[in-house]
Amino acid sequence: MRSLQPSHFTDGSLPVFVFPQSLTFCADEQASHKQVLTVYNPYEFALRFKVLCTAPSRYIVVDSDGVIKPRCCIDIVIRHIDIQPGITQQDKFRLHIFEHGLQDVIGKKEIIAVLQPSRTEPKQKSKERPSTRRGTQRIGSSSVTVEQFADSGFGGQNAPSLWVIMMAVVCIIALMLPLEGDKQRSDLIPQYLHLSVNQKLLAAFILGLITMAILKT
């Protein structure tokens, strides 16, 4: 299975795997005021991430930038510090992904953050417009950069990109290929296409993340 390289995604189209796809804070549920965003790196190269937000004064983001080692994940803790009972608000976080050591964005993901009065309250659009000022809000060791987001998101973000579809097809093909040492199929399929258990597990992991991301859109 051919490995992906950062140079393939100079247009910022690297698939970014994040769970959950959205954050819900409930004013009457204190436990929900702290959310954990998990970012996965299923690739063979290290990634650097940076978290941006439309309303940084409302949040404390622990480790808003950092490095994710290959085939690892990292948890980003996000605390809402401006809970206002009876008000529904919607903000946006944006995750920028870089190749470790370089400055060009090779992938990005938008996460909606909703504050609602209670768990049963239906999600509504924000009653106030996101700030259009650009700057940096630093609270303790956390830094979140404000950026004006277009309401249309990334332009087609809701639809799976061509790279996502290609990766899903590659993973499916990889799972169908024989394992190393499978003598029964060695005459039908060349030996170099026999994959190891770890390669099969990686393909299954990536396919699961793609499926989860598509179902959430």
N, C-alpha and C. Protein backbone atom coordinates (compact mmCIF):
# COMPACT_ATOMS: atom_id res chain seq x y z
N MET A 1 0.85 -1.19 0.00
CA MET A 1 0.00 0.00 0.00
C MET A 1 0.88 1.24 0.00
N ARG A 2 0.72 2.08 -0.99
CA ARG A 2 1.56 3.27 -1.13
C ARG A 2 1.24 4.27 -0.03
N SER A 3 2.30 4.76 0.61
CA SER A 3 2.11 5.71 1.69
C SER A 3 1.92 7.11 1.14
N LEU A 4 1.11 7.90 1.85
CA LEU A 4 0.87 9.29 1.45
C LEU A 4 1.99 10.18 1.96
N GLN A 5 2.30 11.22 1.20
CA GLN A 5 3.34 12.16 1.57
C GLN A 5 2.73 13.55 1.71
N PRO A 6 3.27 14.39 2.61
CA PRO A 6 2.72 15.74 2.78
C PRO A 6 2.73 16.55 1.49
N SER A 7 3.71 16.28 0.61
CA SER A 7 3.81 17.04 -0.64
C SER A 7 2.62 16.81 -1.55
N HIS A 8 1.82 15.76 -1.28
CA HIS A 8 0.64 15.50 -2.09
C HIS A 8 -0.49 16.49 -1.79
N PHE A 9 -0.38 17.26 -0.71
CA PHE A 9 -1.51 18.05 -0.22
C PHE A 9 -1.16 19.52 -0.07
N THR A 10 -0.39 20.05 -1.02
CA THR A 10 -0.01 21.46 -0.95
C THR A 10 -1.21 22.39 -1.12
N ASP A 11 -2.35 21.85 -1.59
CA ASP A 11 -3.55 22.67 -1.74
C ASP A 11 -4.41 22.67 -0.48
N GLY A 12 -3.92 22.05 0.61
CA GLY A 12 -4.67 22.05 1.87
C GLY A 12 -5.75 21.01 1.93
N SER A 13 -5.66 19.96 1.11
CA SER A 13 -6.74 18.96 1.03
C SER A 13 -6.48 17.70 1.84
N LEU A 14 -5.46 17.69 2.69
CA LEU A 14 -5.20 16.49 3.50
C LEU A 14 -6.40 16.18 4.38
N PRO A 15 -6.94 14.97 4.32
CA PRO A 15 -8.07 14.62 5.19
C PRO A 15 -7.68 14.72 6.66
N VAL A 16 -8.50 15.41 7.44
CA VAL A 16 -8.26 15.60 8.87
C VAL A 16 -9.31 14.83 9.65
N PHE A 17 -8.86 14.00 10.58
CA PHE A 17 -9.76 13.12 11.33
C PHE A 17 -9.88 13.63 12.76
N VAL A 18 -11.10 14.04 13.10
CA VAL A 18 -11.38 14.64 14.40
C VAL A 18 -12.63 14.00 14.98
N PHE A 19 -12.63 13.79 16.28
CA PHE A 19 -13.82 13.31 16.98
C PHE A 19 -13.95 14.05 18.31
N PRO A 20 -15.17 14.57 18.61
CA PRO A 20 -16.38 14.55 17.80
C PRO A 20 -16.33 15.61 16.71
N GLN A 21 -17.31 15.59 15.83
CA GLN A 21 -17.38 16.53 14.72
C GLN A 21 -17.96 17.88 15.15
N SER A 22 -18.60 17.92 16.33
CA SER A 22 -19.15 19.16 16.86
C SER A 22 -19.12 19.10 18.38
N LEU A 23 -19.19 20.26 19.02
CA LEU A 23 -19.16 20.35 20.48
C LEU A 23 -20.45 20.98 20.97
N THR A 24 -21.03 20.39 22.02
CA THR A 24 -22.27 20.93 22.60
C THR A 24 -22.04 21.22 24.08
N PHE A 25 -22.20 22.47 24.46
CA PHE A 25 -22.10 22.90 25.85
C PHE A 25 -23.51 23.22 26.36
N CYS A 26 -23.86 22.69 27.50
CA CYS A 26 -25.19 22.93 28.06
C CYS A 26 -25.05 23.80 29.31
N ALA A 27 -25.80 24.89 29.35
CA ALA A 27 -25.66 25.85 30.45
C ALA A 27 -26.00 25.21 31.79
N ASP A 28 -27.00 24.31 31.82
CA ASP A 28 -27.43 23.73 33.09
C ASP A 28 -26.70 22.43 33.43
N GLU A 29 -25.68 22.09 32.68
CA GLU A 29 -24.94 20.84 32.91
C GLU A 29 -23.46 21.16 33.00
N GLN A 30 -22.97 21.32 34.23
CA GLN A 30 -21.60 21.79 34.42
C GLN A 30 -20.57 20.85 33.81
N ALA A 31 -20.85 19.55 33.81
CA ALA A 31 -19.89 18.60 33.25
C ALA A 31 -19.65 18.83 31.76
N SER A 32 -20.63 19.41 31.06
CA SER A 32 -20.49 19.64 29.63
C SER A 32 -19.70 20.90 29.30
N HIS A 33 -19.35 21.69 30.32
CA HIS A 33 -18.62 22.92 30.07
C HIS A 33 -17.16 22.63 29.68
N LYS A 34 -16.74 21.39 29.88
CA LYS A 34 -15.41 20.94 29.46
C LYS A 34 -15.58 19.85 28.41
N GLN A 35 -15.02 20.07 27.24
CA GLN A 35 -15.12 19.11 26.15
C GLN A 35 -13.72 18.70 25.71
N VAL A 36 -13.63 17.48 25.19
CA VAL A 36 -12.35 16.96 24.70
C VAL A 36 -12.47 16.69 23.20
N LEU A 37 -11.59 17.28 22.45
CA LEU A 37 -11.54 17.10 21.00
C LEU A 37 -10.32 16.23 20.69
N THR A 38 -10.55 15.08 20.06
CA THR A 38 -9.46 14.16 19.74
C THR A 38 -9.10 14.29 18.27
N VAL A 39 -7.82 14.53 18.01
CA VAL A 39 -7.31 14.65 16.64
C VAL A 39 -6.41 13.45 16.36
N TYR A 40 -6.68 12.76 15.26
CA TYR A 40 -5.95 11.55 14.91
C TYR A 40 -4.94 11.84 13.80
N ASN A 41 -3.81 11.17 13.88
CA ASN A 41 -2.82 11.20 12.80
C ASN A 41 -2.55 9.77 12.35
N PRO A 42 -3.27 9.30 11.34
CA PRO A 42 -3.06 7.92 10.87
C PRO A 42 -1.93 7.81 9.85
N TYR A 43 -1.22 8.91 9.61
CA TYR A 43 -0.22 8.94 8.55
C TYR A 43 1.16 8.51 9.06
N GLU A 44 2.09 8.37 8.10
CA GLU A 44 3.44 7.92 8.41
C GLU A 44 4.37 9.08 8.74
N PHE A 45 3.86 10.30 8.74
CA PHE A 45 4.68 11.48 9.02
C PHE A 45 4.04 12.29 10.14
N ALA A 46 4.86 13.06 10.85
CA ALA A 46 4.38 13.87 11.97
C ALA A 46 3.62 15.09 11.47
N LEU A 47 2.60 15.47 12.23
CA LEU A 47 1.79 16.63 11.89
C LEU A 47 1.86 17.66 13.01
N ARG A 48 1.75 18.93 12.63
CA ARG A 48 1.60 19.99 13.62
C ARG A 48 0.20 20.57 13.46
N PHE A 49 -0.45 20.87 14.57
CA PHE A 49 -1.80 21.41 14.50
C PHE A 49 -1.87 22.76 15.20
N LYS A 50 -2.88 23.54 14.82
CA LYS A 50 -3.15 24.82 15.48
C LYS A 50 -4.65 25.02 15.51
N VAL A 51 -5.18 25.41 16.67
CA VAL A 51 -6.60 25.63 16.85
C VAL A 51 -6.91 27.12 16.77
N LEU A 52 -7.88 27.46 15.94
CA LEU A 52 -8.35 28.84 15.82
C LEU A 52 -9.82 28.88 16.21
N CYS A 53 -10.30 30.07 16.58
CA CYS A 53 -11.68 30.18 17.05
C CYS A 53 -12.24 31.56 16.72
N THR A 54 -13.55 31.62 16.52
CA THR A 54 -14.20 32.91 16.24
C THR A 54 -14.41 33.74 17.50
N ALA A 55 -14.42 33.10 18.67
CA ALA A 55 -14.69 33.82 19.92
C ALA A 55 -13.77 33.30 21.01
N PRO A 56 -12.48 33.63 20.97
CA PRO A 56 -11.53 33.07 21.93
C PRO A 56 -11.76 33.50 23.38
N SER A 57 -12.42 34.64 23.60
CA SER A 57 -12.64 35.10 24.96
C SER A 57 -13.62 34.21 25.72
N ARG A 58 -14.36 33.36 25.00
CA ARG A 58 -15.33 32.47 25.65
C ARG A 58 -14.73 31.12 26.03
N TYR A 59 -13.50 30.86 25.60
CA TYR A 59 -12.95 29.52 25.78
C TYR A 59 -11.52 29.56 26.30
N ILE A 60 -11.18 28.51 27.01
CA ILE A 60 -9.79 28.21 27.31
C ILE A 60 -9.46 26.92 26.57
N VAL A 61 -8.46 26.99 25.71
CA VAL A 61 -8.04 25.82 24.95
C VAL A 61 -6.66 25.40 25.44
N VAL A 62 -6.58 24.24 26.05
CA VAL A 62 -5.32 23.73 26.55
C VAL A 62 -4.52 23.16 25.39
N ASP A 63 -3.30 23.65 25.22
CA ASP A 63 -2.44 23.20 24.12
C ASP A 63 -3.13 23.44 22.78
N SER A 64 -3.29 24.71 22.43
CA SER A 64 -3.96 25.05 21.18
C SER A 64 -3.08 24.82 19.96
N ASP A 65 -1.82 24.50 20.16
CA ASP A 65 -0.97 24.08 19.05
C ASP A 65 0.03 23.05 19.57
N GLY A 66 0.44 22.17 18.69
CA GLY A 66 1.35 21.11 19.10
C GLY A 66 1.63 20.16 17.95
N VAL A 67 2.27 19.03 18.29
CA VAL A 67 2.70 18.06 17.29
C VAL A 67 2.06 16.71 17.59
N ILE A 68 1.61 16.03 16.54
CA ILE A 68 1.05 14.69 16.67
C ILE A 68 2.00 13.72 15.96
N LYS A 69 2.52 12.75 16.68
CA LYS A 69 3.43 11.78 16.09
C LYS A 69 2.69 10.87 15.10
N PRO A 70 3.41 10.24 14.20
CA PRO A 70 2.76 9.33 13.24
C PRO A 70 1.98 8.22 13.95
N ARG A 71 0.80 7.92 13.42
CA ARG A 71 -0.08 6.86 13.93
C ARG A 71 -0.45 7.07 15.40
N CYS A 72 -0.57 8.32 15.79
CA CYS A 72 -0.95 8.65 17.17
C CYS A 72 -2.12 9.62 17.14
N CYS A 73 -2.62 9.93 18.32
CA CYS A 73 -3.68 10.92 18.44
C CYS A 73 -3.39 11.80 19.64
N ILE A 74 -4.10 12.92 19.72
CA ILE A 74 -3.91 13.85 20.83
C ILE A 74 -5.25 14.41 21.24
N ASP A 75 -5.44 14.63 22.54
CA ASP A 75 -6.67 15.20 23.06
C ASP A 75 -6.47 16.68 23.34
N ILE A 76 -7.39 17.49 22.83
CA ILE A 76 -7.37 18.93 23.06
C ILE A 76 -8.54 19.26 23.99
N VAL A 77 -8.25 19.80 25.15
CA VAL A 77 -9.28 20.13 26.14
C VAL A 77 -9.77 21.55 25.89
N ILE A 78 -11.08 21.69 25.73
CA ILE A 78 -11.70 22.99 25.47
C ILE A 78 -12.71 23.28 26.59
N ARG A 79 -12.52 24.38 27.29
CA ARG A 79 -13.42 24.79 28.38
C ARG A 79 -14.18 26.05 27.98
N HIS A 80 -15.48 26.02 28.17
CA HIS A 80 -16.31 27.21 27.93
C HIS A 80 -16.36 28.00 29.23
N ILE A 81 -15.93 29.25 29.20
CA ILE A 81 -15.83 30.06 30.43
C ILE A 81 -16.79 31.24 30.42
N ASP A 82 -17.71 31.26 29.46
CA ASP A 82 -18.66 32.37 29.39
C ASP A 82 -20.08 31.82 29.25
N ILE A 83 -20.45 30.94 30.19
CA ILE A 83 -21.77 30.32 30.17
C ILE A 83 -22.82 31.33 30.58
N GLN A 84 -23.81 31.54 29.72
CA GLN A 84 -24.91 32.46 30.00
C GLN A 84 -26.22 31.69 29.90
N PRO A 85 -26.86 31.45 31.03
CA PRO A 85 -28.12 30.67 31.02
C PRO A 85 -29.18 31.30 30.14
N GLY A 86 -29.94 30.45 29.45
CA GLY A 86 -31.04 30.91 28.63
C GLY A 86 -30.66 31.44 27.27
N ILE A 87 -29.38 31.39 26.93
CA ILE A 87 -28.91 31.92 25.65
C ILE A 87 -28.34 30.78 24.81
N THR A 88 -28.68 30.78 23.53
CA THR A 88 -28.10 29.83 22.58
C THR A 88 -27.09 30.57 21.71
N GLN A 89 -25.86 30.06 21.70
CA GLN A 89 -24.80 30.68 20.92
C GLN A 89 -24.12 29.63 20.07
N GLN A 90 -23.60 30.06 18.95
CA GLN A 90 -22.84 29.16 18.09
C GLN A 90 -21.53 29.80 17.69
N ASP A 91 -20.45 29.11 17.95
CA ASP A 91 -19.12 29.56 17.54
C ASP A 91 -18.50 28.49 16.65
N LYS A 92 -17.36 28.83 16.10
CA LYS A 92 -16.67 27.86 15.24
C LYS A 92 -15.21 27.77 15.62
N PHE A 93 -14.73 26.53 15.69
CA PHE A 93 -13.30 26.28 15.82
C PHE A 93 -12.80 25.81 14.46
N ARG A 94 -11.59 26.18 14.16
CA ARG A 94 -10.96 25.69 12.92
C ARG A 94 -9.61 25.09 13.27
N LEU A 95 -9.40 23.89 12.77
CA LEU A 95 -8.16 23.17 13.02
C LEU A 95 -7.30 23.23 11.76
N HIS A 96 -6.12 23.81 11.88
CA HIS A 96 -5.18 23.85 10.76
C HIS A 96 -4.10 22.79 11.00
N ILE A 97 -3.78 22.06 9.94
CA ILE A 97 -2.79 20.99 10.02
C ILE A 97 -1.62 21.34 9.12
N PHE A 98 -0.40 21.17 9.65
CA PHE A 98 0.83 21.47 8.92
C PHE A 98 1.73 20.23 8.94
N GLU A 99 2.61 20.17 7.95
CA GLU A 99 3.69 19.19 8.07
C GLU A 99 4.66 19.70 9.14
N HIS A 100 5.06 18.84 10.03
CA HIS A 100 5.92 19.25 11.14
C HIS A 100 7.19 19.92 10.62
N GLY A 101 7.42 21.16 11.07
CA GLY A 101 8.60 21.90 10.67
C GLY A 101 8.37 22.87 9.54
N LEU A 102 7.18 22.83 8.91
CA LEU A 102 6.88 23.73 7.80
C LEU A 102 5.68 24.61 8.15
N GLN A 103 5.46 25.65 7.34
CA GLN A 103 4.43 26.64 7.65
C GLN A 103 3.19 26.54 6.78
N ASP A 104 3.23 25.79 5.70
CA ASP A 104 2.09 25.71 4.79
C ASP A 104 1.01 24.79 5.36
N VAL A 105 -0.25 25.26 5.31
CA VAL A 105 -1.38 24.45 5.76
C VAL A 105 -1.65 23.36 4.73
N ILE A 106 -1.64 22.10 5.17
CA ILE A 106 -1.91 21.00 4.24
C ILE A 106 -3.27 20.36 4.50
N GLY A 107 -3.93 20.77 5.58
CA GLY A 107 -5.27 20.25 5.88
C GLY A 107 -5.98 21.15 6.86
N LYS A 108 -7.32 21.13 6.83
CA LYS A 108 -8.09 21.96 7.76
C LYS A 108 -9.45 21.33 8.01
N LYS A 109 -9.96 21.63 9.19
CA LYS A 109 -11.25 21.06 9.60
C LYS A 109 -11.98 22.09 10.45
N GLU A 110 -13.29 22.19 10.24
CA GLU A 110 -14.11 23.12 11.02
C GLU A 110 -14.99 22.34 11.99
N ILE A 111 -15.03 22.80 13.24
CA ILE A 111 -15.84 22.17 14.28
C ILE A 111 -16.80 23.22 14.84
N ILE A 112 -18.08 22.92 14.82
CA ILE A 112 -19.09 23.82 15.36
C ILE A 112 -19.19 23.63 16.87
N ALA A 113 -19.23 24.72 17.61
CA ALA A 113 -19.41 24.69 19.06
C ALA A 113 -20.71 25.42 19.41
N VAL A 114 -21.63 24.73 20.06
CA VAL A 114 -22.95 25.29 20.37
C VAL A 114 -23.14 25.34 21.89
N LEU A 115 -23.54 26.50 22.38
CA LEU A 115 -23.98 26.63 23.77
C LEU A 115 -25.50 26.68 23.77
N GLN A 116 -26.14 25.76 24.48
CA GLN A 116 -27.59 25.75 24.56
C GLN A 116 -28.03 25.70 26.01
N PRO A 117 -29.24 26.17 26.31
CA PRO A 117 -29.68 26.25 27.71
C PRO A 117 -29.69 24.91 28.43
N SER A 118 -30.07 23.84 27.72
CA SER A 118 -30.14 22.53 28.37
C SER A 118 -29.86 21.46 27.34
N ARG A 119 -29.70 20.22 27.82
CA ARG A 119 -29.39 19.11 26.93
C ARG A 119 -30.52 18.84 25.94
N THR A 120 -31.74 19.11 26.34
CA THR A 120 -32.89 18.83 25.49
C THR A 120 -33.22 19.99 24.57
N GLU A 121 -32.54 21.12 24.74
CA GLU A 121 -32.80 22.29 23.90
C GLU A 121 -32.28 22.04 22.50
N PRO A 122 -33.11 22.21 21.48
CA PRO A 122 -32.63 22.00 20.11
C PRO A 122 -31.56 23.01 19.74
N LYS A 123 -30.60 22.57 18.95
CA LYS A 123 -29.53 23.45 18.52
C LYS A 123 -30.08 24.53 17.60
N GLN A 124 -29.69 25.76 17.86
CA GLN A 124 -30.13 26.88 17.04
C GLN A 124 -28.91 27.68 16.61
N LYS A 125 -29.13 28.52 15.62
CA LYS A 125 -28.05 29.38 15.19
C LYS A 125 -27.78 30.45 16.23
N SER A 126 -26.58 30.93 16.24
CA SER A 126 -26.17 31.92 17.24
C SER A 126 -27.01 33.18 17.14
N LYS A 127 -27.30 33.77 18.31
CA LYS A 127 -28.05 35.02 18.35
C LYS A 127 -27.16 36.22 18.10
N GLU A 128 -25.86 36.01 18.09
CA GLU A 128 -24.96 37.12 17.85
C GLU A 128 -23.95 36.71 16.79
N ARG A 129 -23.51 37.69 16.01
CA ARG A 129 -22.58 37.41 14.94
C ARG A 129 -21.19 37.18 15.50
N PRO A 130 -20.40 36.27 14.90
CA PRO A 130 -19.03 36.08 15.35
C PRO A 130 -18.21 37.35 15.16
N SER A 131 -17.23 37.53 16.00
CA SER A 131 -16.38 38.71 15.89
C SER A 131 -15.61 38.68 14.58
N THR A 132 -15.43 39.87 13.98
CA THR A 132 -14.68 39.95 12.73
C THR A 132 -13.28 40.50 12.95
N ARG A 133 -12.91 40.73 14.18
CA ARG A 133 -11.58 41.22 14.47
C ARG A 133 -10.59 40.08 14.43
N ARG A 134 -9.35 40.40 14.06
CA ARG A 134 -8.29 39.42 14.04
C ARG A 134 -7.30 39.76 15.14
N GLY A 135 -6.81 38.76 15.84
CA GLY A 135 -5.87 39.02 16.91
C GLY A 135 -5.60 37.74 17.66
N THR A 136 -4.98 37.86 18.80
CA THR A 136 -4.66 36.68 19.60
C THR A 136 -5.12 36.89 21.02
N GLN A 137 -5.82 35.91 21.55
CA GLN A 137 -6.28 35.95 22.93
C GLN A 137 -5.47 34.92 23.70
N ARG A 138 -4.76 35.34 24.71
CA ARG A 138 -3.93 34.42 25.48
C ARG A 138 -4.45 34.38 26.91
N ILE A 139 -4.79 33.18 27.36
CA ILE A 139 -5.28 32.97 28.73
C ILE A 139 -4.41 31.90 29.35
N GLY A 140 -3.58 32.29 30.30
CA GLY A 140 -2.66 31.33 30.88
C GLY A 140 -1.70 30.84 29.81
N SER A 141 -1.60 29.51 29.65
CA SER A 141 -0.70 28.95 28.66
C SER A 141 -1.43 28.64 27.36
N SER A 142 -2.68 29.08 27.25
CA SER A 142 -3.48 28.75 26.08
C SER A 142 -3.54 29.93 25.13
N SER A 143 -3.41 29.67 23.84
CA SER A 143 -3.48 30.73 22.85
C SER A 143 -4.39 30.30 21.72
N VAL A 144 -5.39 31.13 21.42
CA VAL A 144 -6.33 30.84 20.34
C VAL A 144 -6.42 32.08 19.46
N THR A 145 -6.21 31.94 18.18
CA THR A 145 -6.21 33.06 17.27
C THR A 145 -7.60 33.27 16.70
N VAL A 146 -8.06 34.53 16.72
CA VAL A 146 -9.38 34.86 16.19
C VAL A 146 -9.28 35.04 14.69
N GLU A 147 -10.22 34.47 13.98
CA GLU A 147 -10.27 34.63 12.53
C GLU A 147 -11.72 34.68 12.10
N GLN A 148 -12.03 35.58 11.20
CA GLN A 148 -13.39 35.66 10.69
C GLN A 148 -13.66 34.46 9.79
N PHE A 149 -14.73 33.72 10.10
CA PHE A 149 -15.08 32.55 9.31
C PHE A 149 -16.26 32.87 8.43
N ALA A 150 -16.21 32.42 7.20
CA ALA A 150 -17.36 32.54 6.32
C ALA A 150 -18.41 31.53 6.75
N ASP A 151 -19.68 31.93 6.70
CA ASP A 151 -20.75 31.03 7.11
C ASP A 151 -20.83 29.80 6.24
N SER A 152 -20.32 29.87 5.03
CA SER A 152 -20.38 28.73 4.12
C SER A 152 -19.31 27.70 4.42
N GLY A 153 -18.49 27.93 5.45
CA GLY A 153 -17.49 26.95 5.83
C GLY A 153 -16.33 26.95 4.84
N PHE A 154 -15.91 25.77 4.43
CA PHE A 154 -14.76 25.65 3.56
C PHE A 154 -15.14 25.49 2.10
N GLY A 155 -16.42 25.61 1.79
CA GLY A 155 -16.81 25.46 0.40
C GLY A 155 -16.78 24.01 0.00
N GLY A 156 -17.88 23.28 0.28
CA GLY A 156 -17.90 21.87 -0.03
C GLY A 156 -17.39 21.00 1.10
N GLN A 157 -17.20 21.57 2.28
CA GLN A 157 -16.70 20.80 3.42
C GLN A 157 -17.64 19.67 3.79
N ASN A 158 -18.96 19.85 3.56
CA ASN A 158 -19.91 18.82 3.94
C ASN A 158 -19.85 17.60 3.04
N ALA A 159 -19.32 17.77 1.85
CA ALA A 159 -19.21 16.64 0.94
C ALA A 159 -17.80 16.06 1.03
N PRO A 160 -17.66 14.74 1.00
CA PRO A 160 -16.33 14.14 1.08
C PRO A 160 -15.49 14.55 -0.12
N SER A 161 -14.23 14.91 0.12
CA SER A 161 -13.35 15.34 -0.96
C SER A 161 -12.88 14.13 -1.77
N LEU A 162 -12.26 14.43 -2.91
CA LEU A 162 -11.75 13.36 -3.77
C LEU A 162 -10.70 12.54 -3.06
N TRP A 163 -9.85 13.22 -2.25
CA TRP A 163 -8.81 12.49 -1.52
C TRP A 163 -9.42 11.53 -0.50
N VAL A 164 -10.49 11.95 0.16
CA VAL A 164 -11.15 11.08 1.14
C VAL A 164 -11.71 9.84 0.45
N ILE A 165 -12.36 10.05 -0.70
CA ILE A 165 -12.92 8.92 -1.44
C ILE A 165 -11.81 7.98 -1.90
N MET A 166 -10.70 8.56 -2.40
CA MET A 166 -9.58 7.74 -2.86
C MET A 166 -8.97 6.94 -1.70
N MET A 167 -8.84 7.59 -0.54
CA MET A 167 -8.29 6.88 0.62
C MET A 167 -9.20 5.74 1.05
N ALA A 168 -10.51 5.97 1.02
CA ALA A 168 -11.46 4.91 1.39
C ALA A 168 -11.35 3.73 0.44
N VAL A 169 -11.23 4.01 -0.87
CA VAL A 169 -11.09 2.92 -1.85
C VAL A 169 -9.79 2.15 -1.62
N VAL A 170 -8.69 2.88 -1.37
CA VAL A 170 -7.40 2.23 -1.12
C VAL A 170 -7.47 1.34 0.12
N CYS A 171 -8.14 1.83 1.17
CA CYS A 171 -8.27 1.04 2.41
C CYS A 171 -9.09 -0.23 2.17
N ILE A 172 -10.17 -0.10 1.40
CA ILE A 172 -11.00 -1.27 1.10
C ILE A 172 -10.20 -2.30 0.32
N ILE A 173 -9.44 -1.83 -0.68
CA ILE A 173 -8.61 -2.75 -1.47
C ILE A 173 -7.57 -3.42 -0.58
N ALA A 174 -6.96 -2.62 0.33
CA ALA A 174 -5.95 -3.17 1.23
C ALA A 174 -6.52 -4.27 2.12
N LEU A 175 -7.74 -4.07 2.59
CA LEU A 175 -8.36 -5.07 3.45
C LEU A 175 -8.71 -6.35 2.69
N MET A 176 -8.87 -6.23 1.37
CA MET A 176 -9.19 -7.40 0.56
C MET A 176 -7.95 -8.18 0.13
N LEU A 177 -6.77 -7.55 0.24
CA LEU A 177 -5.54 -8.23 -0.15
C LEU A 177 -5.15 -9.28 0.89
N PRO A 178 -4.42 -10.31 0.48
CA PRO A 178 -4.05 -11.38 1.43
C PRO A 178 -3.01 -10.94 2.44
N LEU A 179 -2.94 -11.65 3.52
CA LEU A 179 -1.92 -11.41 4.54
C LEU A 179 -0.60 -12.03 4.12
N GLU A 180 0.48 -11.54 4.71
CA GLU A 180 1.79 -12.13 4.48
C GLU A 180 1.78 -13.59 4.95
N GLY A 181 2.31 -14.46 4.13
CA GLY A 181 2.35 -15.87 4.49
C GLY A 181 1.14 -16.67 4.06
N ASP A 182 0.19 -16.01 3.37
CA ASP A 182 -0.99 -16.72 2.88
C ASP A 182 -0.61 -17.49 1.61
N LYS A 183 -0.30 -18.74 1.75
CA LYS A 183 0.19 -19.55 0.63
C LYS A 183 -0.93 -19.90 -0.35
N GLN A 184 -2.17 -19.93 0.13
CA GLN A 184 -3.27 -20.33 -0.73
C GLN A 184 -3.50 -19.32 -1.85
N ARG A 185 -3.19 -18.07 -1.62
CA ARG A 185 -3.44 -17.03 -2.64
C ARG A 185 -2.15 -16.49 -3.23
N SER A 186 -1.01 -17.10 -2.89
CA SER A 186 0.27 -16.61 -3.38
C SER A 186 0.42 -16.79 -4.88
N ASP A 187 -0.27 -17.77 -5.45
CA ASP A 187 -0.18 -18.00 -6.89
C ASP A 187 -1.05 -17.00 -7.67
N LEU A 188 -2.07 -16.46 -7.04
CA LEU A 188 -2.99 -15.55 -7.71
C LEU A 188 -2.57 -14.10 -7.57
N ILE A 189 -1.99 -13.74 -6.44
CA ILE A 189 -1.63 -12.34 -6.16
C ILE A 189 -0.14 -12.27 -5.88
N PRO A 190 0.58 -11.34 -6.52
CA PRO A 190 2.03 -11.21 -6.30
C PRO A 190 2.37 -11.03 -4.82
N GLN A 191 3.54 -11.52 -4.44
CA GLN A 191 3.94 -11.49 -3.04
C GLN A 191 4.06 -10.07 -2.49
N TYR A 192 4.43 -9.12 -3.34
CA TYR A 192 4.60 -7.75 -2.84
C TYR A 192 3.27 -7.08 -2.48
N LEU A 193 2.15 -7.70 -2.88
CA LEU A 193 0.84 -7.17 -2.51
C LEU A 193 0.28 -7.84 -1.26
N HIS A 194 1.02 -8.75 -0.67
CA HIS A 194 0.61 -9.37 0.59
C HIS A 194 0.96 -8.41 1.72
N LEU A 195 -0.02 -8.02 2.51
CA LEU A 195 0.18 -7.02 3.55
C LEU A 195 0.37 -7.65 4.91
N SER A 196 1.05 -6.91 5.79
CA SER A 196 1.23 -7.36 7.16
C SER A 196 -0.02 -7.07 7.99
N VAL A 197 -0.08 -7.64 9.18
CA VAL A 197 -1.22 -7.40 10.07
C VAL A 197 -1.30 -5.93 10.44
N ASN A 198 -0.15 -5.29 10.69
CA ASN A 198 -0.16 -3.87 11.05
C ASN A 198 -0.68 -3.00 9.92
N GLN A 199 -0.34 -3.35 8.68
CA GLN A 199 -0.85 -2.58 7.54
C GLN A 199 -2.36 -2.75 7.40
N LYS A 200 -2.84 -3.97 7.65
CA LYS A 200 -4.29 -4.21 7.61
C LYS A 200 -5.01 -3.42 8.71
N LEU A 201 -4.42 -3.40 9.89
CA LEU A 201 -5.03 -2.67 11.01
C LEU A 201 -5.07 -1.17 10.72
N LEU A 202 -4.00 -0.64 10.12
CA LEU A 202 -3.97 0.78 9.79
C LEU A 202 -5.04 1.11 8.75
N ALA A 203 -5.19 0.23 7.75
CA ALA A 203 -6.21 0.45 6.72
C ALA A 203 -7.61 0.44 7.34
N ALA A 204 -7.85 -0.50 8.26
CA ALA A 204 -9.16 -0.59 8.92
C ALA A 204 -9.41 0.64 9.79
N PHE A 205 -8.36 1.12 10.46
CA PHE A 205 -8.48 2.30 11.31
C PHE A 205 -8.84 3.53 10.49
N ILE A 206 -8.13 3.73 9.39
CA ILE A 206 -8.40 4.90 8.54
C ILE A 206 -9.79 4.81 7.93
N LEU A 207 -10.18 3.62 7.48
CA LEU A 207 -11.50 3.45 6.88
C LEU A 207 -12.60 3.73 7.91
N GLY A 208 -12.37 3.32 9.15
CA GLY A 208 -13.35 3.61 10.20
C GLY A 208 -13.50 5.09 10.46
N LEU A 209 -12.37 5.82 10.47
CA LEU A 209 -12.43 7.27 10.68
C LEU A 209 -13.12 7.96 9.52
N ILE A 210 -12.84 7.52 8.29
CA ILE A 210 -13.50 8.12 7.13
C ILE A 210 -15.00 7.89 7.19
N THR A 211 -15.40 6.66 7.51
CA THR A 211 -16.83 6.34 7.59
C THR A 211 -17.51 7.18 8.66
N MET A 212 -16.87 7.33 9.82
CA MET A 212 -17.44 8.12 10.91
C MET A 212 -17.57 9.58 10.52
N ALA A 213 -16.56 10.10 9.81
CA ALA A 213 -16.60 11.50 9.39
C ALA A 213 -17.70 11.73 8.37
N ILE A 214 -17.89 10.80 7.44
CA ILE A 214 -18.92 10.95 6.42
C ILE A 214 -20.31 10.89 7.05
N LEU A 215 -20.51 9.97 8.00
CA LEU A 215 -21.81 9.85 8.64
C LEU A 215 -22.16 11.06 9.48
N LYS A 216 -21.13 11.77 9.98
CA LYS A 216 -21.38 12.95 10.81
C LYS A 216 -21.72 14.18 9.99
N THR A 217 -21.39 14.18 8.69
CA THR A 217 -21.62 15.37 7.86
C THR A 217 -23.07 15.46 7.46
